[in-house]
């Protein structure tokens, strides 16, 4: 184990031989005395393993704890082991030595990687990055990677290259190395990142300048929302989530995937439940599923119904849950065995669902947000919701226009985590930093722009509800939607004070 030395057994006079064989420690200085007599290695090159700490703990609990003690890069959260290899690799270099790894570029923004970013930026070690975006380098695994080049001696600037295509990877890499122009990549020299562990956002065009301009807004999305939260995790959606067939009055006829059959269940025990595929840009929300919800609200807190109350109030639902007691009890290695076998695995944010909110799919190509004005819908973990502060006077339609704009998509693409096919994740930590323009209700121009946004968004919401009966009508409606959408984007650019050139950069992305 090249990450663990004999200090692992410090304080043990006779280490357990079986543990020594399992850990298999490696003493770099003892194995390479001539190298370290000259200050270290000239180069460290590799493809470190990508293993999350949760997986590591399943077979090497003590190793994981040891890493946290001896490596700064392992000091925060559920780290991935490749960040330790970066720190270790740097420590093995001579004063002018170089390190080159291929590894996930997620560590540019991930919270767990802030310590390793501090190590790299603190020593100005960053020399070059070749960023593959969503392009897949490995044929047998889906990974989003980059080439990281570090230098033990400080560097004031870094060479950043964004690769657009891997069709001819050998030629692309040779052109990058020789500083030759090529259609499949863009390159720029950028200043070294700050040494505070903050997120890294690099671009090979002028996107950074636009990004810095919109960041001048004093408030972020986190400042105007109560929270941005993920949907309900049951760890048994196949049982808890039922497909709607027919409303029978007091009961509902549904289809259960777990039983592969129709069941009847009380209406009072279920909530309308949205899946990721049910949330689309400005479109009316419609639940095609119900969620069995064995909770009641007491003083805004969700409280699990007692078995006797569940049986008395909802006998059909109770009977169904009992039929699945074995599967529900066995969840997460038997964690839910016992009296409350029907509880959700993560019953959080439950009171927030019944508030007005904006919803987004977790993974999306472009912004695909819609609105729940009455707090009617619950949703899966593949959907995130925003609940805005009640002291914000802006209308929900104003927020929806900002959230569905090309500017938010530009921000997510510039700061977020890319996936195959150009998709991005719309999770809380990627949405929270989005700079927000609030409305000064004492200023006539500011109010006018707010009202214009509300008018345009109301218009597009109405257009999305129309059901044209002929191809001609469908074309007309689609043209009206596109024109309104463009008008919303122009208004957003005006709110943020973007110039024509800055708008061009946003839209080219």
Protein backbone atom coordinates (compact mmCIF):
# COMPACT_ATOMS: atom_id res chain seq x y z
CA UNK A 1 0.00 0.00 0.00
CA UNK A 2 1.90 3.03 -1.26
CA UNK A 3 -0.21 5.38 0.90
CA UNK A 4 0.58 3.69 4.23
CA UNK A 5 4.01 3.39 5.88
CA UNK A 6 5.17 1.55 8.96
CA UNK A 7 3.87 4.39 11.16
CA UNK A 8 0.54 2.58 10.85
CA UNK A 9 1.87 0.19 13.54
CA UNK A 10 3.38 2.90 15.74
CA UNK A 11 3.25 1.95 19.41
CA UNK A 12 2.91 -1.78 18.72
CA UNK A 13 5.96 -3.80 19.83
CA UNK A 14 4.92 -6.87 17.82
CA UNK A 15 2.39 -5.98 15.12
CA UNK A 16 -0.09 -8.70 14.27
CA UNK A 17 1.38 -10.54 11.28
CA UNK A 18 -2.00 -11.05 9.62
CA UNK A 19 -2.65 -7.29 9.85
CA UNK A 20 0.81 -6.54 8.44
CA UNK A 21 0.05 -8.79 5.46
CA UNK A 22 -3.37 -7.19 4.96
CA UNK A 23 -2.12 -3.59 5.17
CA UNK A 24 1.11 -4.31 3.25
CA UNK A 25 2.83 -1.00 4.16
CA UNK A 26 5.38 0.61 1.86
CA UNK A 27 8.37 2.66 3.02
CA UNK A 28 9.34 4.96 0.13
CA UNK A 29 12.56 6.28 1.69
CA UNK A 30 13.80 2.78 2.54
CA UNK A 31 12.95 1.38 -0.91
CA UNK A 32 14.44 4.31 -2.87
CA UNK A 33 17.31 5.73 -0.75
CA UNK A 34 19.28 7.02 -3.76
CA UNK A 35 16.21 8.91 -5.05
CA UNK A 36 15.51 10.69 -1.78
CA UNK A 37 19.21 11.41 -1.23
CA UNK A 38 18.80 13.65 -4.31
CA UNK A 39 15.57 15.24 -3.08
CA UNK A 40 12.90 12.98 -4.59
CA UNK A 41 11.59 11.74 -7.90
CA UNK A 42 11.84 13.69 -11.16
CA UNK A 43 8.36 12.51 -12.18
CA UNK A 44 5.32 10.76 -10.73
CA UNK A 45 2.92 9.47 -13.38
CA UNK A 46 -0.20 7.39 -12.96
CA UNK A 47 -3.88 6.60 -12.98
CA UNK A 48 -4.79 6.47 -9.28
CA UNK A 49 -7.77 4.37 -8.13
CA UNK A 50 -11.12 6.12 -7.82
CA UNK A 51 -12.66 4.76 -4.60
CA UNK A 52 -15.06 6.63 -2.32
CA UNK A 53 -14.35 6.38 1.42
CA UNK A 54 -17.72 4.64 1.97
CA UNK A 55 -16.62 1.75 -0.26
CA UNK A 56 -13.18 1.66 1.33
CA UNK A 57 -14.66 1.33 4.82
CA UNK A 58 -16.44 -1.88 3.84
CA UNK A 59 -13.13 -3.75 3.61
CA UNK A 60 -10.52 -1.46 5.19
CA UNK A 61 -12.10 0.50 8.06
CA UNK A 62 -8.81 1.09 9.90
CA UNK A 63 -7.03 2.22 6.73
CA UNK A 64 -9.66 4.89 6.11
CA UNK A 65 -9.25 6.23 9.66
CA UNK A 66 -5.47 6.23 9.29
CA UNK A 67 -5.66 8.28 6.08
CA UNK A 68 -7.67 10.94 7.91
CA UNK A 69 -4.94 11.18 10.56
CA UNK A 70 -1.94 11.55 8.28
CA UNK A 71 -3.23 13.24 5.09
CA UNK A 72 -4.58 16.78 4.89
CA UNK A 73 -6.47 15.85 1.69
CA UNK A 74 -8.48 13.23 3.63
CA UNK A 75 -9.56 15.63 6.36
CA UNK A 76 -12.96 16.64 5.03
CA UNK A 77 -16.09 14.58 4.44
CA UNK A 78 -16.48 11.46 2.37
CA UNK A 79 -13.38 11.88 0.23
CA UNK A 80 -12.31 9.85 -2.78
CA UNK A 81 -8.96 8.11 -2.41
CA UNK A 82 -7.48 9.68 -5.55
CA UNK A 83 -7.08 13.01 -3.72
CA UNK A 84 -4.68 11.30 -1.30
CA UNK A 85 -2.62 10.04 -4.22
CA UNK A 86 -2.27 13.65 -5.40
CA UNK A 87 -0.95 14.74 -2.00
CA UNK A 88 1.33 11.71 -1.71
CA UNK A 89 2.64 12.12 -5.26
CA UNK A 90 3.54 15.76 -4.65
CA UNK A 91 5.43 14.82 -1.47
CA UNK A 92 7.63 12.39 -3.44
CA UNK A 93 8.90 14.98 -5.95
CA UNK A 94 12.24 16.73 -6.00
CA UNK A 95 12.10 20.59 -6.04
CA UNK A 96 11.60 20.78 -9.82
CA UNK A 97 9.78 17.47 -10.20
CA UNK A 98 6.51 16.96 -12.06
CA UNK A 99 3.36 14.94 -11.41
CA UNK A 100 0.89 13.84 -14.08
CA UNK A 101 -2.33 11.95 -13.29
CA UNK A 102 -5.50 11.10 -15.15
CA UNK A 103 -8.36 11.40 -12.67
CA UNK A 104 -11.96 12.65 -12.26
CA UNK A 105 -12.34 16.39 -12.67
CA UNK A 106 -15.10 16.38 -10.06
CA UNK A 107 -12.51 17.40 -7.46
CA UNK A 108 -12.40 20.89 -9.05
CA UNK A 109 -15.71 21.71 -7.34
CA UNK A 110 -16.44 18.91 -4.84
CA UNK A 111 -16.61 20.01 -1.22
CA UNK A 112 -14.58 17.01 -0.02
CA UNK A 113 -11.67 18.10 -2.28
CA UNK A 114 -11.20 21.60 -0.83
CA UNK A 115 -8.15 20.44 1.23
CA UNK A 116 -6.33 19.04 -1.81
CA UNK A 117 -7.18 22.19 -3.80
CA UNK A 118 -5.59 24.16 -0.93
CA UNK A 119 -2.46 22.02 -1.12
CA UNK A 120 -2.12 22.47 -4.88
CA UNK A 121 -3.01 26.16 -5.02
CA UNK A 122 -1.13 26.98 -1.79
CA UNK A 123 2.12 25.86 -3.40
CA UNK A 124 1.19 27.19 -6.86
CA UNK A 125 1.80 23.68 -8.17
CA UNK A 126 -0.78 23.75 -10.96
CA UNK A 127 0.99 23.74 -14.32
CA UNK A 128 -1.56 22.41 -16.83
CA UNK A 129 -4.96 20.74 -17.17
CA UNK A 130 -6.42 18.89 -20.14
CA UNK A 131 -10.17 18.75 -19.44
CA UNK A 132 -12.15 16.06 -21.27
CA UNK A 133 -15.57 17.34 -20.13
CA UNK A 134 -18.16 14.62 -20.80
CA UNK A 135 -15.94 12.84 -23.35
CA UNK A 136 -15.21 9.27 -22.30
CA UNK A 137 -11.56 8.22 -22.21
CA UNK A 138 -12.10 4.71 -20.84
CA UNK A 139 -14.16 2.29 -22.92
CA UNK A 140 -15.11 0.03 -20.01
CA UNK A 141 -16.19 2.63 -17.43
CA UNK A 142 -18.16 5.87 -17.35
CA UNK A 143 -15.81 8.42 -15.81
CA UNK A 144 -15.47 12.17 -16.32
CA UNK A 145 -11.76 12.80 -16.36
CA UNK A 146 -8.94 15.25 -16.91
CA UNK A 147 -5.18 15.17 -17.17
CA UNK A 148 -3.64 16.98 -14.19
CA UNK A 149 -0.07 18.30 -14.46
CA UNK A 150 1.57 19.58 -11.28
CA UNK A 151 5.04 21.03 -10.73
CA UNK A 152 6.76 21.04 -7.34
CA UNK A 153 8.14 24.50 -8.11
CA UNK A 154 5.63 27.40 -8.12
CA UNK A 155 3.86 28.39 -11.33
CA UNK A 156 2.17 31.76 -11.78
CA UNK A 157 0.00 30.62 -14.72
CA UNK A 158 -1.52 27.35 -15.87
CA UNK A 159 -2.25 26.08 -19.35
CA UNK A 160 -5.90 25.01 -19.52
CA UNK A 161 -7.18 22.97 -22.46
CA UNK A 162 -10.82 22.04 -23.03
CA UNK A 163 -11.16 19.02 -25.32
CA UNK A 164 -14.30 18.89 -27.45
CA UNK A 165 -13.84 15.51 -29.13
CA UNK A 166 -11.76 12.37 -28.69
CA UNK A 167 -12.29 11.09 -32.24
CA UNK A 168 -8.58 11.35 -32.91
CA UNK A 169 -7.17 11.46 -29.39
CA UNK A 170 -3.53 10.83 -30.34
CA UNK A 171 -3.47 13.77 -32.74
CA UNK A 172 -5.32 15.96 -30.24
CA UNK A 173 -2.83 15.25 -27.47
CA UNK A 174 0.16 15.77 -29.77
CA UNK A 175 -1.28 19.11 -30.93
CA UNK A 176 -1.82 20.21 -27.33
CA UNK A 177 1.72 19.22 -26.42
CA UNK A 178 3.17 21.06 -29.42
CA UNK A 179 0.96 24.14 -28.97
CA UNK A 180 -0.55 23.61 -32.41
CA UNK A 181 -4.10 24.81 -33.21
CA UNK A 182 -6.77 22.12 -33.58
CA UNK A 183 -10.55 22.17 -34.09
CA UNK A 184 -11.14 19.63 -31.30
CA UNK A 185 -9.86 21.73 -28.40
CA UNK A 186 -9.41 25.25 -27.01
CA UNK A 187 -6.45 26.36 -24.92
CA UNK A 188 -5.83 29.39 -22.71
CA UNK A 189 -3.22 30.54 -20.22
CA UNK A 190 -4.96 31.34 -16.92
CA UNK A 191 -3.79 32.78 -13.60
CA UNK A 192 -3.17 30.25 -10.84
CA UNK A 193 -6.22 29.64 -8.57
CA UNK A 194 -6.52 31.18 -5.11
CA UNK A 195 -4.92 29.23 -2.27
CA UNK A 196 -8.08 29.13 -0.13
CA UNK A 197 -9.50 25.78 -1.27
CA UNK A 198 -12.33 27.48 -3.15
CA UNK A 199 -13.87 25.79 -6.18
CA UNK A 200 -11.99 25.82 -9.47
CA UNK A 201 -13.77 27.11 -12.56
CA UNK A 202 -11.63 27.21 -15.68
CA UNK A 203 -12.55 28.04 -19.27
CA UNK A 204 -10.59 28.35 -22.48
CA UNK A 205 -12.71 31.23 -23.78
CA UNK A 206 -13.91 34.49 -22.19
CA UNK A 207 -16.57 32.78 -20.10
CA UNK A 208 -14.70 33.48 -16.87
CA UNK A 209 -15.03 37.23 -17.37
CA UNK A 210 -18.83 36.92 -17.77
CA UNK A 211 -18.96 34.59 -14.78
CA UNK A 212 -17.09 37.09 -12.63
CA UNK A 213 -19.44 39.88 -13.74
CA UNK A 214 -22.63 38.06 -12.78
CA UNK A 215 -20.99 37.07 -9.48
CA UNK A 216 -20.94 40.78 -8.59
CA UNK A 217 -24.59 40.43 -7.54
CA UNK A 218 -24.63 40.69 -3.72
CA UNK A 219 -27.13 37.86 -3.21
CA UNK A 220 -27.04 34.22 -4.20
CA UNK A 221 -29.87 31.74 -4.62
CA UNK A 222 -29.11 30.41 -1.14
CA UNK A 223 -29.87 33.87 0.28
CA UNK A 224 -33.43 34.09 -1.07
CA UNK A 225 -34.55 30.50 -0.48
CA UNK A 226 -35.49 28.70 2.71
CA UNK A 227 -33.82 25.67 1.20
CA UNK A 228 -33.19 23.74 -1.99
CA UNK A 229 -33.97 20.13 -1.23
CA UNK A 230 -33.99 16.66 -2.70
CA UNK A 231 -37.07 14.46 -2.94
CA UNK A 232 -38.13 11.68 -0.62
CA UNK A 233 -35.90 8.62 -0.23
CA UNK A 234 -37.86 5.50 0.75
CA UNK A 235 -35.19 2.90 -0.23
CA UNK A 236 -38.17 0.85 -1.50
CA UNK A 237 -39.83 2.87 -4.26
CA UNK A 238 -40.98 -0.33 -5.93
CA UNK A 239 -43.28 -0.85 -2.93
CA UNK A 240 -44.13 2.71 -1.86
CA UNK A 241 -44.68 4.22 -5.32
CA UNK A 242 -47.89 3.18 -7.11
CA UNK A 243 -48.98 3.95 -10.66
CA UNK A 244 -52.36 5.71 -10.85
CA UNK A 245 -55.09 3.85 -12.75
CA UNK A 246 -58.44 5.22 -11.58
CA UNK A 247 -59.95 7.42 -8.89
CA UNK A 248 -62.72 5.48 -7.09
CA UNK A 249 -63.80 8.24 -4.71
CA UNK A 250 -62.54 7.38 -1.21
CA UNK A 251 -60.05 4.93 -2.68
CA UNK A 252 -57.79 4.76 -5.72
CA UNK A 253 -57.05 1.88 -8.06
CA UNK A 254 -53.29 1.67 -8.62
CA UNK A 255 -50.70 -0.66 -10.09
CA UNK A 256 -48.00 -2.01 -7.79
CA UNK A 257 -44.68 -2.87 -9.43
CA UNK A 258 -43.67 -4.96 -6.44
CA UNK A 259 -46.73 -7.19 -6.85
CA UNK A 260 -47.10 -6.76 -10.60
CA UNK A 261 -50.82 -6.35 -10.02
CA UNK A 262 -53.54 -3.79 -9.36
CA UNK A 263 -54.37 -2.79 -5.79
CA UNK A 264 -56.97 -0.55 -4.16
CA UNK A 265 -55.78 1.88 -1.50
CA UNK A 266 -57.24 4.72 0.57
CA UNK A 267 -56.83 8.18 -0.91
CA UNK A 268 -55.88 9.63 2.49
CA UNK A 269 -52.74 7.47 2.66
CA UNK A 270 -51.14 8.66 -0.56
CA UNK A 271 -49.57 11.80 -2.01
CA UNK A 272 -49.28 12.79 -5.69
CA UNK A 273 -45.70 11.85 -6.55
CA UNK A 274 -43.56 13.22 -9.39
CA UNK A 275 -40.73 11.36 -11.06
CA UNK A 276 -37.81 13.09 -12.81
CA UNK A 277 -39.44 12.53 -16.21
CA UNK A 278 -42.57 14.39 -15.03
CA UNK A 279 -40.85 17.79 -14.69
CA UNK A 280 -40.39 19.77 -17.92
CA UNK A 281 -39.64 23.36 -18.83
CA UNK A 282 -42.64 25.60 -17.93
CA UNK A 283 -45.03 22.64 -18.42
CA UNK A 284 -47.98 21.93 -16.10
CA UNK A 285 -47.15 19.31 -13.50
CA UNK A 286 -49.08 16.06 -13.60
CA UNK A 287 -48.46 13.14 -11.27
CA UNK A 288 -48.77 9.71 -12.83
CA UNK A 289 -47.90 8.03 -9.53
CA UNK A 290 -48.88 8.13 -5.87
CA UNK A 291 -46.60 7.71 -2.87
CA UNK A 292 -47.81 5.73 0.15
CA UNK A 293 -47.22 8.26 2.93
CA UNK A 294 -47.57 6.70 6.42
CA UNK A 295 -46.93 10.00 8.20
CA UNK A 296 -48.97 12.82 9.70
CA UNK A 297 -47.90 16.39 10.41
CA UNK A 298 -47.78 17.64 13.98
CA UNK A 299 -46.60 21.23 14.44
CA UNK A 300 -45.02 21.15 10.98
CA UNK A 301 -43.09 17.96 11.76
CA UNK A 302 -43.74 14.68 9.97
CA UNK A 303 -44.52 11.94 12.50
CA UNK A 304 -44.76 8.26 11.57
CA UNK A 305 -48.21 6.78 12.17
CA UNK A 306 -48.36 4.08 14.83
CA UNK A 307 -49.24 0.60 13.49
CA UNK A 308 -52.58 0.55 15.31
CA UNK A 309 -53.56 3.96 13.87
CA UNK A 310 -52.41 2.96 10.40
CA UNK A 311 -54.44 -0.25 10.58
CA UNK A 312 -57.56 1.54 11.86
CA UNK A 313 -57.52 4.49 9.48
CA UNK A 314 -56.20 2.78 6.35
CA UNK A 315 -56.90 -0.98 6.48
CA UNK A 316 -56.29 -1.47 2.75
CA UNK A 317 -52.94 0.29 2.90
CA UNK A 318 -51.94 -1.49 6.11
CA UNK A 319 -52.72 -4.86 4.55
CA UNK A 320 -50.58 -3.97 1.52
CA UNK A 321 -47.64 -2.90 3.71
CA UNK A 322 -47.92 -6.09 5.78
CA UNK A 323 -47.71 -8.11 2.58
CA UNK A 324 -44.32 -6.49 2.03
CA UNK A 325 -43.10 -6.54 5.63
CA UNK A 326 -40.24 -8.92 4.87
CA UNK A 327 -38.78 -6.82 2.03
CA UNK A 328 -39.25 -3.56 3.96
CA UNK A 329 -37.64 -5.00 7.10
CA UNK A 330 -34.59 -6.20 5.20
CA UNK A 331 -33.73 -2.78 3.81
CA UNK A 332 -30.19 -1.60 4.57
CA UNK A 333 -29.13 -4.84 6.26
CA UNK A 334 -32.20 -5.10 8.49
CA UNK A 335 -32.13 -1.52 9.77
CA UNK A 336 -35.92 -1.25 9.52
CA UNK A 337 -36.84 -4.60 11.07
CA UNK A 338 -39.38 -4.32 13.87
CA UNK A 339 -42.46 -2.31 14.69
CA UNK A 340 -41.85 0.52 12.23
CA UNK A 341 -40.82 -1.53 9.22
CA UNK A 342 -42.78 0.82 6.91
CA UNK A 343 -40.82 4.01 7.67
CA UNK A 344 -38.94 5.89 4.95
CA UNK A 345 -35.16 5.65 4.85
CA UNK A 346 -34.71 9.43 4.86
CA UNK A 347 -37.79 11.29 6.12
CA UNK A 348 -36.45 14.83 5.74
CA UNK A 349 -37.80 18.08 4.27
CA UNK A 350 -41.28 16.54 4.38
CA UNK A 351 -43.02 19.74 5.55
CA UNK A 352 -41.48 21.67 2.65
CA UNK A 353 -43.32 19.72 -0.03
CA UNK A 354 -46.66 21.35 0.75
CA UNK A 355 -45.34 24.85 0.11
CA UNK A 356 -45.26 26.72 -3.23
CA UNK A 357 -42.06 25.71 -4.96
CA UNK A 358 -40.06 25.54 -8.18
CA UNK A 359 -38.94 22.09 -9.28
CA UNK A 360 -36.07 20.86 -11.44
CA UNK A 361 -34.93 17.41 -12.56
CA UNK A 362 -31.66 16.44 -10.87
CA UNK A 363 -30.02 15.76 -14.25
CA UNK A 364 -30.93 17.89 -17.23
CA UNK A 365 -29.80 19.10 -20.64
CA UNK A 366 -30.61 22.79 -20.31
CA UNK A 367 -32.92 24.26 -17.70
CA UNK A 368 -36.17 22.29 -17.29
CA UNK A 369 -37.96 23.89 -14.39
CA UNK A 370 -41.63 24.10 -13.58
CA UNK A 371 -43.73 25.47 -10.74
CA UNK A 372 -46.04 24.08 -8.07
CA UNK A 373 -47.97 27.13 -6.92
CA UNK A 374 -50.03 25.35 -4.28
CA UNK A 375 -47.63 22.88 -2.67
CA UNK A 376 -49.58 19.95 -4.04
CA UNK A 377 -46.82 17.61 -5.24
CA UNK A 378 -44.26 15.38 -3.55
CA UNK A 379 -41.40 13.99 -5.61
CA UNK A 380 -38.61 11.46 -5.99
CA UNK A 381 -34.92 11.98 -5.14
CA UNK A 382 -34.34 12.59 -8.86
CA UNK A 383 -36.07 15.99 -8.48
CA UNK A 384 -34.99 19.04 -6.45
CA UNK A 385 -37.24 21.85 -5.22
CA UNK A 386 -36.69 25.48 -4.23
CA UNK A 387 -38.83 27.08 -1.53
CA UNK A 388 -38.32 30.85 -1.42
CA UNK A 389 -38.17 33.00 1.70
CA UNK A 390 -41.63 34.35 2.58
CA UNK A 391 -40.13 37.83 3.14
CA UNK A 392 -39.15 38.02 -0.54
CA UNK A 393 -41.84 40.06 -2.30
CA UNK A 394 -41.03 38.81 -5.79
CA UNK A 395 -43.70 36.70 -7.47
CA UNK A 396 -42.93 32.99 -8.05
CA UNK A 397 -43.15 33.64 -11.81
CA UNK A 398 -40.26 36.08 -11.51
CA UNK A 399 -38.07 33.41 -9.92
CA UNK A 400 -39.12 30.83 -12.50
CA UNK A 401 -38.06 33.14 -15.34
CA UNK A 402 -34.60 33.58 -13.79
CA UNK A 403 -34.25 29.85 -13.12
CA UNK A 404 -35.21 28.80 -16.65
CA UNK A 405 -32.96 31.35 -18.33
CA UNK A 406 -29.96 30.67 -20.54
CA UNK A 407 -27.91 32.56 -17.97
CA UNK A 408 -28.51 29.92 -15.29
CA UNK A 409 -27.64 27.21 -17.82
CA UNK A 410 -24.43 29.12 -18.64
CA UNK A 411 -23.65 29.32 -14.91
CA UNK A 412 -24.26 25.59 -14.35
CA UNK A 413 -22.14 24.68 -17.39
CA UNK A 414 -19.35 26.97 -16.20
CA UNK A 415 -19.32 25.88 -12.56
CA UNK A 416 -21.06 22.50 -12.39
CA UNK A 417 -20.37 18.86 -13.05
CA UNK A 418 -20.74 17.60 -16.60
CA UNK A 419 -22.16 14.21 -17.53
CA UNK A 420 -22.25 12.18 -20.72
CA UNK A 421 -24.26 13.76 -23.53
CA UNK A 422 -23.78 17.30 -22.24
CA UNK A 423 -26.12 16.85 -19.26
CA UNK A 424 -25.44 18.57 -15.95
CA UNK A 425 -26.55 18.01 -12.39
CA UNK A 426 -28.90 20.51 -10.73
CA UNK A 427 -28.19 19.63 -7.11
CA UNK A 428 -28.29 21.98 -4.13
CA UNK A 429 -24.56 22.73 -3.99
CA UNK A 430 -24.50 23.66 -7.70
CA UNK A 431 -27.63 25.83 -7.51
CA UNK A 432 -26.99 27.63 -4.22
CA UNK A 433 -24.17 29.89 -5.55
CA UNK A 434 -26.17 31.23 -8.52
CA UNK A 435 -26.11 35.06 -8.29
CA UNK A 436 -29.62 36.50 -7.96
CA UNK A 437 -31.02 39.87 -9.00
CA UNK A 438 -33.71 40.82 -6.51
CA UNK A 439 -36.27 43.56 -7.04
CA UNK A 440 -36.05 47.00 -5.46
CA UNK A 441 -39.75 47.68 -4.96
CA UNK A 442 -39.05 51.35 -4.24
CA UNK A 443 -37.59 51.73 -7.74
CA UNK A 444 -40.06 52.14 -10.60
CA UNK A 445 -37.74 50.64 -13.26
CA UNK A 446 -36.95 47.62 -11.09
CA UNK A 447 -40.66 47.01 -10.44
CA UNK A 448 -41.38 47.39 -14.15
CA UNK A 449 -38.85 44.70 -15.03
CA UNK A 450 -40.30 42.43 -12.34
CA UNK A 451 -43.82 42.90 -13.67
CA UNK A 452 -42.64 42.33 -17.24
CA UNK A 453 -41.01 39.03 -16.17
CA UNK A 454 -44.18 37.91 -14.41
CA UNK A 455 -46.22 38.79 -17.50
CA UNK A 456 -43.92 36.85 -19.85
CA UNK A 457 -43.70 33.77 -17.62
CA UNK A 458 -47.47 33.76 -17.08
CA UNK A 459 -47.84 33.93 -20.85
CA UNK A 460 -45.50 30.99 -21.48
CA UNK A 461 -47.16 28.92 -18.74
CA UNK A 462 -50.48 29.52 -20.45
CA UNK A 463 -49.10 28.59 -23.86
CA UNK A 464 -47.74 25.33 -22.44
CA UNK A 465 -51.25 24.40 -21.32
CA UNK A 466 -52.73 24.76 -24.79
CA UNK A 467 -53.58 21.63 -26.72
CA UNK A 468 -53.51 22.53 -30.44
CA UNK A 469 -55.59 20.23 -32.61
CA UNK A 470 -53.88 20.77 -35.98
CA UNK A 471 -50.24 20.89 -37.15
CA UNK A 472 -50.70 24.55 -38.08
CA UNK A 473 -51.96 25.44 -34.60
CA UNK A 474 -49.14 23.44 -33.05
CA UNK A 475 -46.58 25.41 -35.09
CA UNK A 476 -48.18 28.71 -34.07
CA UNK A 477 -48.10 27.80 -30.39
CA UNK A 478 -44.49 26.64 -30.61
CA UNK A 479 -43.45 29.88 -32.31
CA UNK A 480 -45.19 31.88 -29.59
CA UNK A 481 -43.42 29.83 -26.89
CA UNK A 482 -40.02 30.38 -28.55
CA UNK A 483 -40.61 34.12 -28.94
CA UNK A 484 -41.69 34.46 -25.31
CA UNK A 485 -38.74 32.37 -24.13
CA UNK A 486 -36.36 34.64 -26.06
CA UNK A 487 -37.99 37.72 -24.54
CA UNK A 488 -37.46 36.26 -21.05
CA UNK A 489 -33.76 35.69 -21.80
CA UNK A 490 -33.36 39.24 -23.11
CA UNK A 491 -34.96 40.56 -19.93
CA UNK A 492 -32.61 38.45 -17.78
CA UNK A 493 -29.59 39.80 -19.68
CA UNK A 494 -30.91 43.31 -19.01
CA UNK A 495 -31.32 42.53 -15.29
CA UNK A 496 -27.68 41.44 -15.09
CA UNK A 497 -26.42 44.31 -17.28
CA UNK A 498 -24.75 42.12 -19.92
CA UNK A 499 -23.30 43.66 -23.07
CA UNK A 500 -23.91 42.29 -26.57
CA UNK A 501 -20.50 40.58 -26.51
CA UNK A 502 -21.19 39.03 -23.11
CA UNK A 503 -24.57 37.79 -24.35
CA UNK A 504 -22.83 36.21 -27.33
CA UNK A 505 -20.47 34.34 -24.98
CA UNK A 506 -23.38 33.13 -22.86
CA UNK A 507 -25.36 31.90 -25.85
CA UNK A 508 -22.36 30.31 -27.58
CA UNK A 509 -22.01 28.09 -24.54
